[in-house]
């Protein structure tokens, strides 16, 4: 009986290791794809007209469209049984993120050359550090779910209010959102280690990519505001 239980445990551990490896391979590919899309848009002169077009309409419309696409992609990648549907969800989400990042990256490139690469480095180092913490401690960070849920709602309400009333949220909001994104990375990594279904590695990669992208967005805004001085 003990031998049977031990064999079953080893099989589960090995299968989980395969799942984790697949998840992070897809996360890496998602980040590379996002980067290549941005490089293509900037190198071929498409960033400026795209940024101008997006900034000429209400940002609430852009935010709303992005949230709908993000929800659909996340839902598809997480719940779809077919692997092809999961890939479609991940691809749609990466492209949507790349598009909505264009105005911010365009402004950053014009007003603070070099800040994009610094923000990317800090984001990757921060995400890697948080990932190592989760894997080293093996702690279950499921308790962060309530914080992320209500924190996300509060952050969204503040963003909508700032758009409607033309108010600036300031540097401290960026700091808070960086911390929020860090908590999301811990939560997502914990789910990958302990809870995520092993046939949903594409969906797991999407969730991790969303958290990393969120951190990058606000690290970049923090640096643009002069927070790195």
Protein backbone atom coordinates (compact mmCIF):
# COMPACT_ATOMS: atom_id res chain seq x y z
CA UNK A 1 0.00 0.00 0.00
CA UNK A 2 2.78 2.42 0.91
CA UNK A 3 4.60 1.62 -2.31
CA UNK A 4 1.45 2.23 -4.36
CA UNK A 5 0.84 5.56 -2.62
CA UNK A 6 4.46 6.57 -3.19
CA UNK A 7 4.26 5.73 -6.90
CA UNK A 8 1.04 7.71 -7.25
CA UNK A 9 2.63 10.70 -5.49
CA UNK A 10 5.64 10.58 -7.80
CA UNK A 11 3.40 10.42 -10.88
CA UNK A 12 1.39 13.42 -9.66
CA UNK A 13 4.56 15.35 -8.91
CA UNK A 14 6.02 14.59 -12.33
CA UNK A 15 2.81 15.54 -14.12
CA UNK A 16 2.65 18.80 -12.16
CA UNK A 17 6.25 19.55 -13.09
CA UNK A 18 5.39 19.05 -16.77
CA UNK A 19 2.39 21.36 -16.37
CA UNK A 20 4.51 24.06 -14.69
CA UNK A 21 7.18 23.81 -17.41
CA UNK A 22 4.57 24.13 -20.17
CA UNK A 23 2.98 27.09 -18.41
CA UNK A 24 6.20 29.08 -18.20
CA UNK A 25 7.22 28.20 -21.74
CA UNK A 26 3.94 29.69 -22.92
CA UNK A 27 4.38 32.71 -20.66
CA UNK A 28 7.80 33.30 -22.21
CA UNK A 29 6.35 32.95 -25.72
CA UNK A 30 3.54 35.38 -24.85
CA UNK A 31 6.04 38.00 -23.63
CA UNK A 32 8.21 37.52 -26.74
CA UNK A 33 5.15 37.81 -29.00
CA UNK A 34 4.02 40.98 -27.22
CA UNK A 35 7.50 42.46 -27.64
CA UNK A 36 7.69 41.55 -31.32
CA UNK A 37 4.30 43.13 -32.01
CA UNK A 38 5.40 46.38 -30.36
CA UNK A 39 8.72 46.36 -32.23
CA UNK A 40 6.86 45.81 -35.51
CA UNK A 41 4.42 48.66 -34.83
CA UNK A 42 7.20 51.10 -33.96
CA UNK A 43 9.68 50.04 -36.64
CA UNK A 44 7.10 50.26 -39.43
CA UNK A 45 5.72 53.62 -38.31
CA UNK A 46 2.35 52.26 -37.19
CA UNK A 47 2.63 53.24 -33.54
CA UNK A 48 2.05 56.97 -34.06
CA UNK A 49 -1.22 56.70 -36.06
CA UNK A 50 -2.51 53.97 -33.74
CA UNK A 51 -1.66 56.05 -30.67
CA UNK A 52 -3.30 59.13 -32.18
CA UNK A 53 -6.43 57.19 -33.09
CA UNK A 54 -6.79 55.70 -29.62
CA UNK A 55 -6.14 59.02 -27.87
CA UNK A 56 -8.70 60.81 -30.08
CA UNK A 57 -11.62 58.81 -28.69
CA UNK A 58 -12.91 58.47 -25.16
CA UNK A 59 -10.48 56.39 -23.13
CA UNK A 60 -13.51 54.80 -21.44
CA UNK A 61 -14.46 53.24 -24.78
CA UNK A 62 -10.95 51.89 -25.23
CA UNK A 63 -10.87 50.61 -21.65
CA UNK A 64 -14.30 49.04 -22.01
CA UNK A 65 -13.40 47.29 -25.26
CA UNK A 66 -10.16 46.04 -23.75
CA UNK A 67 -11.95 44.68 -20.67
CA UNK A 68 -14.46 42.81 -22.82
CA UNK A 69 -11.72 41.30 -24.99
CA UNK A 70 -9.65 40.47 -21.93
CA UNK A 71 -12.58 38.79 -20.18
CA UNK A 72 -13.46 36.77 -23.28
CA UNK A 73 -9.86 35.69 -23.88
CA UNK A 74 -9.28 34.78 -20.24
CA UNK A 75 -12.55 32.87 -20.05
CA UNK A 76 -11.77 31.00 -23.26
CA UNK A 77 -8.21 30.10 -22.32
CA UNK A 78 -9.21 28.93 -18.83
CA UNK A 79 -12.42 26.99 -19.53
CA UNK A 80 -12.10 25.79 -23.13
CA UNK A 81 -11.57 22.05 -23.43
CA UNK A 82 -9.84 22.14 -26.80
CA UNK A 83 -6.25 23.26 -26.88
CA UNK A 84 -6.85 25.28 -30.05
CA UNK A 85 -9.50 27.38 -28.28
CA UNK A 86 -7.11 28.05 -25.42
CA UNK A 87 -4.46 29.22 -27.87
CA UNK A 88 -6.98 31.52 -29.55
CA UNK A 89 -7.79 33.06 -26.17
CA UNK A 90 -4.12 33.62 -25.37
CA UNK A 91 -3.38 35.06 -28.82
CA UNK A 92 -6.34 37.46 -28.67
CA UNK A 93 -5.30 38.66 -25.24
CA UNK A 94 -1.65 39.23 -26.17
CA UNK A 95 -2.65 41.20 -29.27
CA UNK A 96 -5.19 43.24 -27.26
CA UNK A 97 -2.54 44.06 -24.67
CA UNK A 98 -0.06 45.04 -27.37
CA UNK A 99 -2.58 47.42 -28.92
CA UNK A 100 -3.65 49.12 -25.71
CA UNK A 101 0.01 49.59 -24.71
CA UNK A 102 0.79 51.55 -27.90
CA UNK A 103 -0.21 55.05 -26.66
CA UNK A 104 1.69 54.67 -23.38
CA UNK A 105 4.80 53.29 -25.08
CA UNK A 106 4.65 55.98 -27.78
CA UNK A 107 4.48 58.78 -25.19
CA UNK A 108 7.21 57.16 -23.10
CA UNK A 109 9.47 56.85 -26.12
CA UNK A 110 8.97 60.52 -27.00
CA UNK A 111 9.26 62.13 -23.56
CA UNK A 112 11.67 59.78 -21.77
CA UNK A 113 13.91 57.80 -24.13
CA UNK A 114 15.30 54.68 -22.50
CA UNK A 115 12.61 54.48 -19.83
CA UNK A 116 10.85 51.58 -21.59
CA UNK A 117 13.85 49.26 -21.34
CA UNK A 118 14.42 50.22 -17.68
CA UNK A 119 10.78 49.58 -16.82
CA UNK A 120 10.89 46.23 -18.65
CA UNK A 121 14.00 45.17 -16.74
CA UNK A 122 12.52 46.13 -13.37
CA UNK A 123 9.27 44.35 -14.22
CA UNK A 124 11.00 41.12 -15.25
CA UNK A 125 13.26 41.18 -12.20
CA UNK A 126 10.32 41.85 -9.90
CA UNK A 127 8.20 39.11 -11.48
CA UNK A 128 11.11 36.65 -11.32
CA UNK A 129 11.75 37.48 -7.66
CA UNK A 130 8.11 36.99 -6.71
CA UNK A 131 8.00 33.73 -8.66
CA UNK A 132 11.07 32.44 -6.81
CA UNK A 133 9.45 33.35 -3.48
CA UNK A 134 6.31 31.38 -4.37
CA UNK A 135 8.28 28.34 -5.53
CA UNK A 136 10.74 28.45 -2.63
CA UNK A 137 8.15 28.78 0.14
CA UNK A 138 5.52 26.58 -1.57
CA UNK A 139 3.01 28.71 0.30
CA UNK A 140 -0.57 28.73 -0.88
CA UNK A 141 -1.44 32.36 -1.62
CA UNK A 142 -5.13 31.66 -2.26
CA UNK A 143 -5.96 34.02 0.61
CA UNK A 144 -5.02 36.91 -1.72
CA UNK A 145 -8.08 36.23 -3.87
CA UNK A 146 -10.42 38.49 -1.86
CA UNK A 147 -7.84 41.31 -1.78
CA UNK A 148 -7.30 41.09 -5.54
CA UNK A 149 -11.02 41.01 -6.25
CA UNK A 150 -11.94 44.05 -4.17
CA UNK A 151 -8.69 45.86 -4.88
CA UNK A 152 -9.29 45.44 -8.60
CA UNK A 153 -12.82 46.84 -8.31
CA UNK A 154 -11.61 49.85 -6.31
CA UNK A 155 -8.77 50.50 -8.76
CA UNK A 156 -11.16 50.31 -11.72
CA UNK A 157 -13.56 52.77 -10.08
CA UNK A 158 -10.69 55.19 -9.43
CA UNK A 159 -9.51 54.90 -13.04
CA UNK A 160 -13.01 55.53 -14.40
CA UNK A 161 -13.48 58.50 -12.05
CA UNK A 162 -10.14 59.99 -13.12
CA UNK A 163 -11.15 59.71 -16.78
CA UNK A 164 -14.59 61.23 -16.22
CA UNK A 165 -13.39 64.14 -14.10
CA UNK A 166 -9.96 64.65 -15.66
CA UNK A 167 -8.11 64.06 -12.39
CA UNK A 168 -4.61 62.66 -12.13
CA UNK A 169 -4.21 59.60 -9.91
CA UNK A 170 -0.58 60.45 -9.22
CA UNK A 171 2.56 58.51 -8.45
CA UNK A 172 1.24 56.82 -5.34
CA UNK A 173 -1.53 55.18 -7.31
CA UNK A 174 1.13 53.69 -9.59
CA UNK A 175 3.02 52.46 -6.52
CA UNK A 176 -0.17 50.87 -5.19
CA UNK A 177 -0.90 49.21 -8.52
CA UNK A 178 2.66 47.85 -8.73
CA UNK A 179 2.09 46.26 -5.32
CA UNK A 180 -1.30 45.00 -6.51
CA UNK A 181 0.30 43.43 -9.60
CA UNK A 182 2.95 41.83 -7.39
CA UNK A 183 0.24 40.26 -5.26
CA UNK A 184 -1.44 39.02 -8.44
CA UNK A 185 1.79 37.37 -9.58
CA UNK A 186 2.13 35.62 -6.21
CA UNK A 187 -1.49 34.48 -6.40
CA UNK A 188 -1.21 33.26 -9.99
CA UNK A 189 2.07 31.47 -9.33
CA UNK A 190 0.57 29.77 -6.29
CA UNK A 191 -2.36 28.62 -8.43
CA UNK A 192 0.06 27.20 -10.98
CA UNK A 193 1.88 25.28 -8.25
CA UNK A 194 -1.13 24.02 -6.32
CA UNK A 195 -4.51 24.41 -8.00
CA UNK A 196 -4.59 25.07 -11.74
CA UNK A 197 -5.99 22.16 -13.82
CA UNK A 198 -3.11 20.49 -15.61
CA UNK A 199 -4.82 20.65 -19.00
CA UNK A 200 -5.11 24.45 -18.74
CA UNK A 201 -1.45 25.45 -19.01
CA UNK A 202 -2.30 27.92 -21.78
CA UNK A 203 -4.86 29.58 -19.50
CA UNK A 204 -2.36 29.63 -16.65
CA UNK A 205 0.17 31.36 -18.91
CA UNK A 206 -2.48 33.92 -19.85
CA UNK A 207 -3.20 34.73 -16.20
CA UNK A 208 0.49 35.15 -15.44
CA UNK A 209 1.01 37.28 -18.55
CA UNK A 210 -1.87 39.56 -17.54
CA UNK A 211 -0.29 40.15 -14.12
CA UNK A 212 3.18 40.78 -15.57
CA UNK A 213 1.72 43.18 -18.15
CA UNK A 214 -0.15 45.04 -15.39
CA UNK A 215 3.08 45.44 -13.43
CA UNK A 216 4.92 46.67 -16.53
CA UNK A 217 2.19 49.25 -17.24
CA UNK A 218 2.48 50.85 -13.82
CA UNK A 219 6.25 50.51 -13.45
CA UNK A 220 6.51 52.41 -16.73
CA UNK A 221 4.11 55.08 -15.52
CA UNK A 222 6.04 55.36 -12.25
CA UNK A 223 9.32 55.90 -14.10
CA UNK A 224 7.72 58.41 -16.47
CA UNK A 225 6.52 60.40 -13.47
CA UNK A 226 10.09 60.68 -12.26
CA UNK A 227 9.74 58.07 -9.56
CA UNK A 228 13.14 56.57 -10.46
CA UNK A 229 15.02 59.70 -9.42
